[in-house]
Amino acid sequence: MFLVDPDRLSALVVLANYDRETNDNVCMPYGAGCQTIGIFGYHEAESEIPRAVVGLTDLSARHYIARQVGRSDLLSFTVPFGMFQEMESNVAGSFLERSTWRALLEAATGGTASHR
């Protein structure tokens, strides 16, 4: 499970769909924060074709995440481990090594971003 800003969420969604036959490999179900971080992710891990889960959309979770981590622009991205390994194997040569991604990172950090 990752806490991510909009740019990193976009990158993870692209990577989750990168080498799959379909483009519906990420879901965003309604549920409490703990459901979207854990329960839905465990359910997906047991699926034949697991999907990643975007979460922390519950308003109570939004309220507390800002207080806990000091930022209000974060969502969760939960990915079953096998799918994570698949995504990781697709990093080399992907958009994460190209100028558009670097420009997004540098804009977000004032030019001090690492390239991943």
PDB file of N, CA and C in Angstrom:
ATOM      1  N   MET A   1       0.841  -1.168   0.000  1.00  0.00           N
ATOM      2  CA  MET A   1       0.000   0.000   0.000  1.00  0.00           C
ATOM      3  C   MET A   1       0.887   1.232   0.000  1.00  0.00           C
ATOM      4  N   PHE A   2       0.589   2.124  -0.907  1.00  0.00           N
ATOM      5  CA  PHE A   2       1.327   3.377  -1.015  1.00  0.00           C
ATOM      6  C   PHE A   2       0.382   4.541  -0.747  1.00  0.00           C
ATOM      7  N   LEU A   3       0.865   5.580  -0.121  1.00  0.00           N
ATOM      8  CA  LEU A   3       0.153   6.854  -0.076  1.00  0.00           C
ATOM      9  C   LEU A   3       0.729   7.696  -1.197  1.00  0.00           C
ATOM     10  N   VAL A   4      -0.141   8.185  -2.079  1.00  0.00           N
ATOM     11  CA  VAL A   4       0.341   8.847  -3.289  1.00  0.00           C
ATOM     12  C   VAL A   4      -0.399  10.141  -3.576  1.00  0.00           C
ATOM     13  N   ASP A   5       0.331  11.065  -4.194  1.00  0.00           N
ATOM     14  CA  ASP A   5      -0.272  12.295  -4.691  1.00  0.00           C
ATOM     15  C   ASP A   5      -0.839  12.026  -6.087  1.00  0.00           C
ATOM     16  N   PRO A   6      -1.533  12.988  -6.682  1.00  0.00           N
ATOM     17  CA  PRO A   6      -2.153  12.736  -7.993  1.00  0.00           C
ATOM     18  C   PRO A   6      -1.181  12.312  -9.096  1.00  0.00           C
ATOM     19  N   ASP A   7       0.005  12.885  -9.152  1.00  0.00           N
ATOM     20  CA  ASP A   7       0.960  12.502 -10.197  1.00  0.00           C
ATOM     21  C   ASP A   7       1.418  11.056 -10.035  1.00  0.00           C
ATOM     22  N   ARG A   8       1.740  10.673  -8.825  1.00  0.00           N
ATOM     23  CA  ARG A   8       2.183   9.297  -8.591  1.00  0.00           C
ATOM     24  C   ARG A   8       1.043   8.300  -8.749  1.00  0.00           C
ATOM     25  N   LEU A   9      -0.163   8.703  -8.382  1.00  0.00           N
ATOM     26  CA  LEU A   9      -1.324   7.839  -8.623  1.00  0.00           C
ATOM     27  C   LEU A   9      -1.485   7.603 -10.121  1.00  0.00           C
ATOM     28  N   SER A  10      -1.371   8.650 -10.905  1.00  0.00           N
ATOM     29  CA  SER A  10      -1.475   8.505 -12.364  1.00  0.00           C
ATOM     30  C   SER A  10      -0.426   7.538 -12.893  1.00  0.00           C
ATOM     31  N   ALA A  11       0.804   7.681 -12.414  1.00  0.00           N
ATOM     32  CA  ALA A  11       1.881   6.804 -12.872  1.00  0.00           C
ATOM     33  C   ALA A  11       1.615   5.352 -12.482  1.00  0.00           C
ATOM     34  N   LEU A  12       1.155   5.123 -11.271  1.00  0.00           N
ATOM     35  CA  LEU A  12       0.872   3.753 -10.836  1.00  0.00           C
ATOM     36  C   LEU A  12      -0.286   3.140 -11.615  1.00  0.00           C
ATOM     37  N   VAL A  13      -1.289   3.938 -11.947  1.00  0.00           N
ATOM     38  CA  VAL A  13      -2.411   3.429 -12.751  1.00  0.00           C
ATOM     39  C   VAL A  13      -1.916   3.030 -14.139  1.00  0.00           C
ATOM     40  N   VAL A  14      -1.079   3.861 -14.740  1.00  0.00           N
ATOM     41  CA  VAL A  14      -0.525   3.518 -16.053  1.00  0.00           C
ATOM     42  C   VAL A  14       0.296   2.239 -15.947  1.00  0.00           C
ATOM     43  N   LEU A  15       1.150   2.148 -14.943  1.00  0.00           N
ATOM     44  CA  LEU A  15       1.999   0.974 -14.788  1.00  0.00           C
ATOM     45  C   LEU A  15       1.178  -0.287 -14.499  1.00  0.00           C
ATOM     46  N   ALA A  16       0.090  -0.156 -13.756  1.00  0.00           N
ATOM     47  CA  ALA A  16      -0.768  -1.305 -13.457  1.00  0.00           C
ATOM     48  C   ALA A  16      -1.447  -1.848 -14.712  1.00  0.00           C
ATOM     49  N   ASN A  17      -1.638  -1.008 -15.702  1.00  0.00           N
ATOM     50  CA  ASN A  17      -2.291  -1.408 -16.945  1.00  0.00           C
ATOM     51  C   ASN A  17      -1.305  -1.652 -18.076  1.00  0.00           C
ATOM     52  N   TYR A  18      -0.035  -1.436 -17.828  1.00  0.00           N
ATOM     53  CA  TYR A  18       0.999  -1.393 -18.858  1.00  0.00           C
ATOM     54  C   TYR A  18       1.090  -2.651 -19.711  1.00  0.00           C
ATOM     55  N   ASP A  19       1.139  -3.797 -19.093  1.00  0.00           N
ATOM     56  CA  ASP A  19       1.373  -5.033 -19.843  1.00  0.00           C
ATOM     57  C   ASP A  19       0.218  -6.029 -19.642  1.00  0.00           C
ATOM     58  N   ARG A  20      -0.978  -5.496 -19.538  1.00  0.00           N
ATOM     59  CA  ARG A  20      -2.155  -6.336 -19.347  1.00  0.00           C
ATOM     60  C   ARG A  20      -3.019  -6.285 -20.596  1.00  0.00           C
ATOM     61  N   GLU A  21      -3.842  -7.315 -20.791  1.00  0.00           N
ATOM     62  CA  GLU A  21      -4.710  -7.371 -21.973  1.00  0.00           C
ATOM     63  C   GLU A  21      -5.831  -6.347 -21.940  1.00  0.00           C
ATOM     64  N   THR A  22      -6.249  -5.956 -20.737  1.00  0.00           N
ATOM     65  CA  THR A  22      -7.333  -4.975 -20.618  1.00  0.00           C
ATOM     66  C   THR A  22      -6.804  -3.721 -19.935  1.00  0.00           C
ATOM     67  N   ASN A  23      -7.636  -2.718 -19.867  1.00  0.00           N
ATOM     68  CA  ASN A  23      -7.218  -1.479 -19.196  1.00  0.00           C
ATOM     69  C   ASN A  23      -8.064  -1.206 -17.953  1.00  0.00           C
ATOM     70  N   ASP A  24      -8.602  -2.261 -17.343  1.00  0.00           N
ATOM     71  CA  ASP A  24      -9.395  -2.095 -16.127  1.00  0.00           C
ATOM     72  C   ASP A  24      -8.753  -2.836 -14.955  1.00  0.00           C
ATOM     73  N   ASN A  25      -7.491  -2.572 -14.736  1.00  0.00           N
ATOM     74  CA  ASN A  25      -6.705  -3.281 -13.728  1.00  0.00           C
ATOM     75  C   ASN A  25      -6.541  -2.508 -12.435  1.00  0.00           C
ATOM     76  N   VAL A  26      -7.304  -1.431 -12.311  1.00  0.00           N
ATOM     77  CA  VAL A  26      -7.335  -0.634 -11.095  1.00  0.00           C
ATOM     78  C   VAL A  26      -8.800  -0.339 -10.803  1.00  0.00           C
ATOM     79  N   CYS A  27      -9.198  -0.521  -9.537  1.00  0.00           N
ATOM     80  CA  CYS A  27     -10.576  -0.205  -9.169  1.00  0.00           C
ATOM     81  C   CYS A  27     -10.576   0.822  -8.049  1.00  0.00           C
ATOM     82  N   MET A  28     -11.698   1.493  -7.891  1.00  0.00           N
ATOM     83  CA  MET A  28     -11.844   2.518  -6.865  1.00  0.00           C
ATOM     84  C   MET A  28     -13.217   2.344  -6.215  1.00  0.00           C
ATOM     85  N   PRO A  29     -13.355   1.287  -5.414  1.00  0.00           N
ATOM     86  CA  PRO A  29     -14.660   1.011  -4.809  1.00  0.00           C
ATOM     87  C   PRO A  29     -14.944   1.927  -3.629  1.00  0.00           C
ATOM     88  N   TYR A  30     -16.207   2.095  -3.336  1.00  0.00           N
ATOM     89  CA  TYR A  30     -16.570   2.841  -2.140  1.00  0.00           C
ATOM     90  C   TYR A  30     -16.380   1.941  -0.929  1.00  0.00           C
ATOM     91  N   GLY A  31     -15.840   2.482   0.112  1.00  0.00           N
ATOM     92  CA  GLY A  31     -15.694   1.751   1.364  1.00  0.00           C
ATOM     93  C   GLY A  31     -14.987   2.618   2.382  1.00  0.00           C
ATOM     94  N   ALA A  32     -14.981   2.153   3.602  1.00  0.00           N
ATOM     95  CA  ALA A  32     -14.242   2.844   4.659  1.00  0.00           C
ATOM     96  C   ALA A  32     -12.753   2.788   4.338  1.00  0.00           C
ATOM     97  N   GLY A  33     -11.990   3.674   4.941  1.00  0.00           N
ATOM     98  CA  GLY A  33     -10.558   3.719   4.680  1.00  0.00           C
ATOM     99  C   GLY A  33      -9.871   2.383   4.874  1.00  0.00           C
ATOM    100  N   CYS A  34     -10.194   1.687   5.965  1.00  0.00           N
ATOM    101  CA  CYS A  34      -9.545   0.402   6.229  1.00  0.00           C
ATOM    102  C   CYS A  34      -9.960  -0.659   5.211  1.00  0.00           C
ATOM    103  N   GLN A  35     -11.160  -0.561   4.689  1.00  0.00           N
ATOM    104  CA  GLN A  35     -11.581  -1.511   3.658  1.00  0.00           C
ATOM    105  C   GLN A  35     -10.784  -1.309   2.381  1.00  0.00           C
ATOM    106  N   THR A  36     -10.619  -0.054   1.971  1.00  0.00           N
ATOM    107  CA  THR A  36      -9.928   0.206   0.709  1.00  0.00           C
ATOM    108  C   THR A  36      -8.427  -0.028   0.813  1.00  0.00           C
ATOM    109  N   ILE A  37      -7.868   0.121   2.002  1.00  0.00           N
ATOM    110  CA  ILE A  37      -6.443  -0.133   2.183  1.00  0.00           C
ATOM    111  C   ILE A  37      -6.165  -1.620   2.312  1.00  0.00           C
ATOM    112  N   GLY A  38      -7.013  -2.350   3.008  1.00  0.00           N
ATOM    113  CA  GLY A  38      -6.714  -3.732   3.317  1.00  0.00           C
ATOM    114  C   GLY A  38      -7.656  -4.761   2.731  1.00  0.00           C
ATOM    115  N   ILE A  39      -8.906  -4.708   3.105  1.00  0.00           N
ATOM    116  CA  ILE A  39      -9.843  -5.780   2.759  1.00  0.00           C
ATOM    117  C   ILE A  39      -9.994  -5.951   1.260  1.00  0.00           C
ATOM    118  N   PHE A  40     -10.203  -4.866   0.532  1.00  0.00           N
ATOM    119  CA  PHE A  40     -10.354  -4.975  -0.920  1.00  0.00           C
ATOM    120  C   PHE A  40      -9.063  -5.466  -1.575  1.00  0.00           C
ATOM    121  N   GLY A  41      -7.921  -5.031  -1.057  1.00  0.00           N
ATOM    122  CA  GLY A  41      -6.638  -5.489  -1.582  1.00  0.00           C
ATOM    123  C   GLY A  41      -6.438  -6.985  -1.388  1.00  0.00           C
ATOM    124  N   TYR A  42      -6.794  -7.493  -0.205  1.00  0.00           N
ATOM    125  CA  TYR A  42      -6.707  -8.941   0.037  1.00  0.00           C
ATOM    126  C   TYR A  42      -7.650  -9.702  -0.883  1.00  0.00           C
ATOM    127  N   HIS A  43      -8.848  -9.170  -1.085  1.00  0.00           N
ATOM    128  CA  HIS A  43      -9.807  -9.803  -1.995  1.00  0.00           C
ATOM    129  C   HIS A  43      -9.229  -9.869  -3.413  1.00  0.00           C
ATOM    130  N   GLU A  44      -8.637  -8.773  -3.864  1.00  0.00           N
ATOM    131  CA  GLU A  44      -8.046  -8.749  -5.205  1.00  0.00           C
ATOM    132  C   GLU A  44      -6.874  -9.717  -5.316  1.00  0.00           C
ATOM    133  N   ALA A  45      -6.098  -9.871  -4.251  1.00  0.00           N
ATOM    134  CA  ALA A  45      -4.959 -10.788  -4.281  1.00  0.00           C
ATOM    135  C   ALA A  45      -5.405 -12.225  -4.529  1.00  0.00           C
ATOM    136  N   GLU A  46      -6.624 -12.548  -4.128  1.00  0.00           N
ATOM    137  CA  GLU A  46      -7.158 -13.897  -4.317  1.00  0.00           C
ATOM    138  C   GLU A  46      -7.830 -14.078  -5.676  1.00  0.00           C
ATOM    139  N   SER A  47      -7.991 -12.992  -6.432  1.00  0.00           N
ATOM    140  CA  SER A  47      -8.639 -13.050  -7.733  1.00  0.00           C
ATOM    141  C   SER A  47      -7.723 -13.690  -8.768  1.00  0.00           C
ATOM    142  N   GLU A  48      -8.325 -14.251  -9.799  1.00  0.00           N
ATOM    143  CA  GLU A  48      -7.550 -14.843 -10.888  1.00  0.00           C
ATOM    144  C   GLU A  48      -6.701 -13.777 -11.587  1.00  0.00           C
ATOM    145  N   ILE A  49      -7.305 -12.619 -11.814  1.00  0.00           N
ATOM    146  CA  ILE A  49      -6.592 -11.480 -12.404  1.00  0.00           C
ATOM    147  C   ILE A  49      -6.741 -10.312 -11.425  1.00  0.00           C
ATOM    148  N   PRO A  50      -5.799 -10.170 -10.499  1.00  0.00           N
ATOM    149  CA  PRO A  50      -5.933  -9.144  -9.465  1.00  0.00           C
ATOM    150  C   PRO A  50      -5.822  -7.731 -10.017  1.00  0.00           C
ATOM    151  N   ARG A  51      -6.484  -6.822  -9.326  1.00  0.00           N
ATOM    152  CA  ARG A  51      -6.432  -5.396  -9.657  1.00  0.00           C
ATOM    153  C   ARG A  51      -5.873  -4.633  -8.460  1.00  0.00           C
ATOM    154  N   ALA A  52      -5.350  -3.474  -8.734  1.00  0.00           N
ATOM    155  CA  ALA A  52      -4.943  -2.559  -7.686  1.00  0.00           C
ATOM    156  C   ALA A  52      -6.180  -1.801  -7.216  1.00  0.00           C
ATOM    157  N   VAL A  53      -6.122  -1.249  -6.001  1.00  0.00           N
ATOM    158  CA  VAL A  53      -7.267  -0.564  -5.415  1.00  0.00           C
ATOM    159  C   VAL A  53      -6.858   0.841  -4.989  1.00  0.00           C
ATOM    160  N   VAL A  54      -7.571   1.847  -5.490  1.00  0.00           N
ATOM    161  CA  VAL A  54      -7.386   3.224  -5.043  1.00  0.00           C
ATOM    162  C   VAL A  54      -8.331   3.439  -3.865  1.00  0.00           C
ATOM    163  N   GLY A  55      -7.818   4.020  -2.798  1.00  0.00           N
ATOM    164  CA  GLY A  55      -8.647   4.194  -1.614  1.00  0.00           C
ATOM    165  C   GLY A  55      -8.385   5.469  -0.860  1.00  0.00           C
ATOM    166  N   LEU A  56      -8.893   5.484   0.332  1.00  0.00           N
ATOM    167  CA  LEU A  56      -8.924   6.647   1.220  1.00  0.00           C
ATOM    168  C   LEU A  56      -9.804   7.749   0.643  1.00  0.00           C
ATOM    169  N   THR A  57     -10.891   7.345  -0.001  1.00  0.00           N
ATOM    170  CA  THR A  57     -11.863   8.304  -0.522  1.00  0.00           C
ATOM    171  C   THR A  57     -12.988   8.558   0.471  1.00  0.00           C
ATOM    172  N   ASP A  58     -13.082   7.740   1.507  1.00  0.00           N
ATOM    173  CA  ASP A  58     -14.070   7.935   2.566  1.00  0.00           C
ATOM    174  C   ASP A  58     -13.802   9.282   3.244  1.00  0.00           C
ATOM    175  N   LEU A  59     -14.831  10.075   3.428  1.00  0.00           N
ATOM    176  CA  LEU A  59     -14.655  11.420   3.980  1.00  0.00           C
ATOM    177  C   LEU A  59     -14.025  11.408   5.371  1.00  0.00           C
ATOM    178  N   SER A  60     -14.372  10.439   6.202  1.00  0.00           N
ATOM    179  CA  SER A  60     -13.737  10.339   7.518  1.00  0.00           C
ATOM    180  C   SER A  60     -12.250  10.051   7.374  1.00  0.00           C
ATOM    181  N   ALA A  61     -11.915   9.168   6.452  1.00  0.00           N
ATOM    182  CA  ALA A  61     -10.506   8.862   6.208  1.00  0.00           C
ATOM    183  C   ALA A  61      -9.778  10.101   5.694  1.00  0.00           C
ATOM    184  N   ARG A  62     -10.415  10.862   4.820  1.00  0.00           N
ATOM    185  CA  ARG A  62      -9.789  12.077   4.282  1.00  0.00           C
ATOM    186  C   ARG A  62      -9.452  13.041   5.422  1.00  0.00           C
ATOM    187  N   HIS A  63     -10.383  13.165   6.351  1.00  0.00           N
ATOM    188  CA  HIS A  63     -10.195  14.069   7.491  1.00  0.00           C
ATOM    189  C   HIS A  63      -8.986  13.638   8.327  1.00  0.00           C
ATOM    190  N   TYR A  64      -8.898  12.358   8.611  1.00  0.00           N
ATOM    191  CA  TYR A  64      -7.820  11.868   9.474  1.00  0.00           C
ATOM    192  C   TYR A  64      -6.482  11.724   8.776  1.00  0.00           C
ATOM    193  N   ILE A  65      -6.474  11.413   7.500  1.00  0.00           N
ATOM    194  CA  ILE A  65      -5.188  11.265   6.813  1.00  0.00           C
ATOM    195  C   ILE A  65      -4.446  12.594   6.798  1.00  0.00           C
ATOM    196  N   ALA A  66      -5.177  13.672   6.600  1.00  0.00           N
ATOM    197  CA  ALA A  66      -4.546  14.997   6.603  1.00  0.00           C
ATOM    198  C   ALA A  66      -3.933  15.294   7.971  1.00  0.00           C
ATOM    199  N   ARG A  67      -4.625  14.928   9.014  1.00  0.00           N
ATOM    200  CA  ARG A  67      -4.101  15.158  10.365  1.00  0.00           C
ATOM    201  C   ARG A  67      -2.926  14.232  10.685  1.00  0.00           C
ATOM    202  N   GLN A  68      -2.954  13.009  10.170  1.00  0.00           N
ATOM    203  CA  GLN A  68      -1.902  12.041  10.478  1.00  0.00           C
ATOM    204  C   GLN A  68      -0.598  12.311   9.740  1.00  0.00           C
ATOM    205  N   VAL A  69      -0.689  12.653   8.467  1.00  0.00           N
ATOM    206  CA  VAL A  69       0.538  12.802   7.673  1.00  0.00           C
ATOM    207  C   VAL A  69       0.819  14.243   7.258  1.00  0.00           C
ATOM    208  N   GLY A  70      -0.072  15.149   7.611  1.00  0.00           N
ATOM    209  CA  GLY A  70       0.167  16.559   7.331  1.00  0.00           C
ATOM    210  C   GLY A  70      -0.068  16.987   5.895  1.00  0.00           C
ATOM    211  N   ARG A  71      -0.726  16.132   5.122  1.00  0.00           N
ATOM    212  CA  ARG A  71      -1.041  16.467   3.732  1.00  0.00           C
ATOM    213  C   ARG A  71      -2.466  16.020   3.446  1.00  0.00           C
ATOM    214  N   SER A  72      -3.155  16.798   2.644  1.00  0.00           N
ATOM    215  CA  SER A  72      -4.541  16.446   2.314  1.00  0.00           C
ATOM    216  C   SER A  72      -4.695  15.970   0.874  1.00  0.00           C
ATOM    217  N   ASP A  73      -3.610  15.878   0.135  1.00  0.00           N
ATOM    218  CA  ASP A  73      -3.688  15.517  -1.288  1.00  0.00           C
ATOM    219  C   ASP A  73      -3.330  14.067  -1.569  1.00  0.00           C
ATOM    220  N   LEU A  74      -3.364  13.207  -0.563  1.00  0.00           N
ATOM    221  CA  LEU A  74      -2.937  11.821  -0.742  1.00  0.00           C
ATOM    222  C   LEU A  74      -4.113  10.854  -0.794  1.00  0.00           C
ATOM    223  N   LEU A  75      -3.968   9.847  -1.624  1.00  0.00           N
ATOM    224  CA  LEU A  75      -4.879   8.710  -1.675  1.00  0.00           C
ATOM    225  C   LEU A  75      -4.028   7.462  -1.489  1.00  0.00           C
ATOM    226  N   SER A  76      -4.683   6.337  -1.265  1.00  0.00           N
ATOM    227  CA  SER A  76      -3.934   5.090  -1.163  1.00  0.00           C
ATOM    228  C   SER A  76      -3.996   4.347  -2.488  1.00  0.00           C
ATOM    229  N   PHE A  77      -2.966   3.571  -2.731  1.00  0.00           N
ATOM    230  CA  PHE A  77      -2.899   2.685  -3.889  1.00  0.00           C
ATOM    231  C   PHE A  77      -2.416   1.354  -3.352  1.00  0.00           C
ATOM    232  N   THR A  78      -3.334   0.404  -3.252  1.00  0.00           N
ATOM    233  CA  THR A  78      -3.029  -0.919  -2.719  1.00  0.00           C
ATOM    234  C   THR A  78      -2.915  -1.886  -3.883  1.00  0.00           C
ATOM    235  N   VAL A  79      -1.820  -2.615  -3.913  1.00  0.00           N
ATOM    236  CA  VAL A  79      -1.581  -3.535  -5.024  1.00  0.00           C
ATOM    237  C   VAL A  79      -1.143  -4.894  -4.458  1.00  0.00           C
ATOM    238  N   PRO A  80      -1.801  -5.973  -4.881  1.00  0.00           N
ATOM    239  CA  PRO A  80      -1.364  -7.301  -4.443  1.00  0.00           C
ATOM    240  C   PRO A  80       0.100  -7.532  -4.831  1.00  0.00           C
ATOM    241  N   PHE A  81       0.821  -8.275  -3.999  1.00  0.00           N
ATOM    242  CA  PHE A  81       2.259  -8.424  -4.179  1.00  0.00           C
ATOM    243  C   PHE A  81       2.643  -8.978  -5.549  1.00  0.00           C
ATOM    244  N   GLY A  82       1.927  -9.983  -6.023  1.00  0.00           N
ATOM    245  CA  GLY A  82       2.235 -10.548  -7.339  1.00  0.00           C
ATOM    246  C   GLY A  82       2.092  -9.509  -8.436  1.00  0.00           C
ATOM    247  N   MET A  83       1.074  -8.675  -8.321  1.00  0.00           N
ATOM    248  CA  MET A  83       0.872  -7.608  -9.299  1.00  0.00           C
ATOM    249  C   MET A  83       1.969  -6.549  -9.160  1.00  0.00           C
ATOM    250  N   PHE A  84       2.376  -6.279  -7.921  1.00  0.00           N
ATOM    251  CA  PHE A  84       3.480  -5.348  -7.691  1.00  0.00           C
ATOM    252  C   PHE A  84       4.738  -5.831  -8.405  1.00  0.00           C
ATOM    253  N   GLN A  85       5.041  -7.119  -8.286  1.00  0.00           N
ATOM    254  CA  GLN A  85       6.220  -7.667  -8.959  1.00  0.00           C
ATOM    255  C   GLN A  85       6.098  -7.533 -10.475  1.00  0.00           C
ATOM    256  N   GLU A  86       4.905  -7.754 -10.983  1.00  0.00           N
ATOM    257  CA  GLU A  86       4.660  -7.582 -12.423  1.00  0.00           C
ATOM    258  C   GLU A  86       4.897  -6.130 -12.831  1.00  0.00           C
ATOM    259  N   MET A  87       4.361  -5.195 -12.046  1.00  0.00           N
ATOM    260  CA  MET A  87       4.552  -3.776 -12.337  1.00  0.00           C
ATOM    261  C   MET A  87       6.026  -3.408 -12.281  1.00  0.00           C
ATOM    262  N   GLU A  88       6.715  -3.906 -11.274  1.00  0.00           N
ATOM    263  CA  GLU A  88       8.138  -3.604 -11.116  1.00  0.00           C
ATOM    264  C   GLU A  88       8.952  -4.109 -12.308  1.00  0.00           C
ATOM    265  N   SER A  89       8.571  -5.253 -12.847  1.00  0.00           N
ATOM    266  CA  SER A  89       9.306  -5.806 -13.993  1.00  0.00           C
ATOM    267  C   SER A  89       9.110  -4.969 -15.259  1.00  0.00           C
ATOM    268  N   ASN A  90       8.112  -4.103 -15.260  1.00  0.00           N
ATOM    269  CA  ASN A  90       7.839  -3.267 -16.424  1.00  0.00           C
ATOM    270  C   ASN A  90       8.447  -1.866 -16.330  1.00  0.00           C
ATOM    271  N   VAL A  91       9.158  -1.577 -15.267  1.00  0.00           N
ATOM    272  CA  VAL A  91       9.718  -0.233 -15.083  1.00  0.00           C
ATOM    273  C   VAL A  91      10.802   0.081 -16.110  1.00  0.00           C
ATOM    274  N   ALA A  92      11.726  -0.835 -16.307  1.00  0.00           N
ATOM    275  CA  ALA A  92      12.841  -0.580 -17.231  1.00  0.00           C
ATOM    276  C   ALA A  92      12.307  -0.289 -18.630  1.00  0.00           C
ATOM    277  N   GLY A  93      12.693   0.844 -19.169  1.00  0.00           N
ATOM    278  CA  GLY A  93      12.269   1.237 -20.507  1.00  0.00           C
ATOM    279  C   GLY A  93      10.896   1.868 -20.579  1.00  0.00           C
ATOM    280  N   SER A  94      10.244   2.025 -19.434  1.00  0.00           N
ATOM    281  CA  SER A  94       8.879   2.577 -19.431  1.00  0.00           C
ATOM    282  C   SER A  94       8.895   4.104 -19.369  1.00  0.00           C
ATOM    283  N   PHE A  95       7.720   4.673 -19.291  1.00  0.00           N
ATOM    284  CA  PHE A  95       7.539   6.119 -19.183  1.00  0.00           C
ATOM    285  C   PHE A  95       8.244   6.699 -17.961  1.00  0.00           C
ATOM    286  N   LEU A  96       8.515   5.871 -16.947  1.00  0.00           N
ATOM    287  CA  LEU A  96       9.191   6.357 -15.750  1.00  0.00           C
ATOM    288  C   LEU A  96      10.623   6.798 -16.030  1.00  0.00           C
ATOM    289  N   GLU A  97      11.145   6.431 -17.177  1.00  0.00           N
ATOM    290  CA  GLU A  97      12.500   6.823 -17.557  1.00  0.00           C
ATOM    291  C   GLU A  97      12.500   7.888 -18.647  1.00  0.00           C
ATOM    292  N   ARG A  98      11.348   8.488 -18.883  1.00  0.00           N
ATOM    293  CA  ARG A  98      11.241   9.462 -19.967  1.00  0.00           C
ATOM    294  C   ARG A  98      11.063  10.886 -19.426  1.00  0.00           C
ATOM    295  N   SER A  99      11.180  11.828 -20.314  1.00  0.00           N
ATOM    296  CA  SER A  99      11.206  13.240 -19.931  1.00  0.00           C
ATOM    297  C   SER A  99       9.895  13.750 -19.328  1.00  0.00           C
ATOM    298  N   THR A 100       8.760  13.259 -19.770  1.00  0.00           N
ATOM    299  CA  THR A 100       7.489  13.748 -19.223  1.00  0.00           C
ATOM    300  C   THR A 100       7.393  13.448 -17.735  1.00  0.00           C
ATOM    301  N   TRP A 101       7.742  12.229 -17.357  1.00  0.00           N
ATOM    302  CA  TRP A 101       7.695  11.863 -15.936  1.00  0.00           C
ATOM    303  C   TRP A 101       8.708  12.684 -15.136  1.00  0.00           C
ATOM    304  N   ARG A 102       9.904  12.828 -15.661  1.00  0.00           N
ATOM    305  CA  ARG A 102      10.921  13.639 -14.972  1.00  0.00           C
ATOM    306  C   ARG A 102      10.453  15.072 -14.787  1.00  0.00           C
ATOM    307  N   ALA A 103       9.815  15.625 -15.813  1.00  0.00           N
ATOM    308  CA  ALA A 103       9.327  17.006 -15.726  1.00  0.00           C
ATOM    309  C   ALA A 103       8.250  17.134 -14.657  1.00  0.00           C
ATOM    310  N   LEU A 104       7.354  16.162 -14.558  1.00  0.00           N
ATOM    311  CA  LEU A 104       6.333  16.199 -13.502  1.00  0.00           C
ATOM    312  C   LEU A 104       6.963  16.168 -12.118  1.00  0.00           C
ATOM    313  N   LEU A 105       7.931  15.293 -11.931  1.00  0.00           N
ATOM    314  CA  LEU A 105       8.597  15.208 -10.635  1.00  0.00           C
ATOM    315  C   LEU A 105       9.339  16.492 -10.298  1.00  0.00           C
ATOM    316  N   GLU A 106      10.043  17.016 -11.260  1.00  0.00           N
ATOM    317  CA  GLU A 106      10.808  18.237 -11.011  1.00  0.00           C
ATOM    318  C   GLU A 106       9.898  19.422 -10.730  1.00  0.00           C
ATOM    319  N   ALA A 107       8.774  19.513 -11.419  1.00  0.00           N
ATOM    320  CA  ALA A 107       7.818  20.600 -11.169  1.00  0.00           C
ATOM    321  C   ALA A 107       7.240  20.501  -9.757  1.00  0.00           C
ATOM    322  N   ALA A 108       6.991  19.272  -9.317  1.00  0.00           N
ATOM    323  CA  ALA A 108       6.395  19.065  -7.994  1.00  0.00           C
ATOM    324  C   ALA A 108       7.382  19.325  -6.862  1.00  0.00           C
ATOM    325  N   THR A 109       8.672  19.175  -7.133  1.00  0.00           N
ATOM    326  CA  THR A 109       9.683  19.300  -6.077  1.00  0.00           C
ATOM    327  C   THR A 109      10.606  20.497  -6.267  1.00  0.00           C
ATOM    328  N   GLY A 110      10.290  21.333  -7.205  1.00  0.00           N
ATOM    329  CA  GLY A 110      11.148  22.499  -7.449  1.00  0.00           C
ATOM    330  C   GLY A 110      12.478  22.151  -8.078  1.00  0.00           C
ATOM    331  N   GLY A 111      12.504  21.055  -8.865  1.00  0.00           N
ATOM    332  CA  GLY A 111      13.721  20.683  -9.579  1.00  0.00           C
ATOM    333  C   GLY A 111      14.672  19.802  -8.804  1.00  0.00           C
ATOM    334  N   THR A 112      14.233  19.264  -7.664  1.00  0.00           N
ATOM    335  CA  THR A 112      15.132  18.440  -6.841  1.00  0.00           C
ATOM    336  C   THR A 112      14.716  16.984  -6.797  1.00  0.00           C
ATOM    337  N   ALA A 113      13.920  16.543  -7.747  1.00  0.00           N
ATOM    338  CA  ALA A 113      13.371  15.177  -7.693  1.00  0.00           C
ATOM    339  C   ALA A 113      14.361  14.134  -8.179  1.00  0.00           C
ATOM    340  N   SER A 114      14.262  12.965  -7.537  1.00  0.00           N
ATOM    341  CA  SER A 114      14.954  11.817  -8.106  1.00  0.00           C
ATOM    342  C   SER A 114      14.105  11.342  -9.267  1.00  0.00           C
ATOM    343  N   HIS A 115      14.650  10.519 -10.119  1.00  0.00           N
ATOM    344  CA  HIS A 115      13.936  10.156 -11.337  1.00  0.00           C
ATOM    345  C   HIS A 115      12.995   8.974 -11.176  1.00  0.00           C
ATOM    346  N   ARG A 116      12.780   8.506  -9.959  1.00  0.00           N
ATOM    347  CA  ARG A 116      11.783   7.440  -9.734  1.00  0.00           C
ATOM    348  C   ARG A 116      10.987   7.700  -8.538  1.00  0.00           C
TER     349      ARG A 116
END
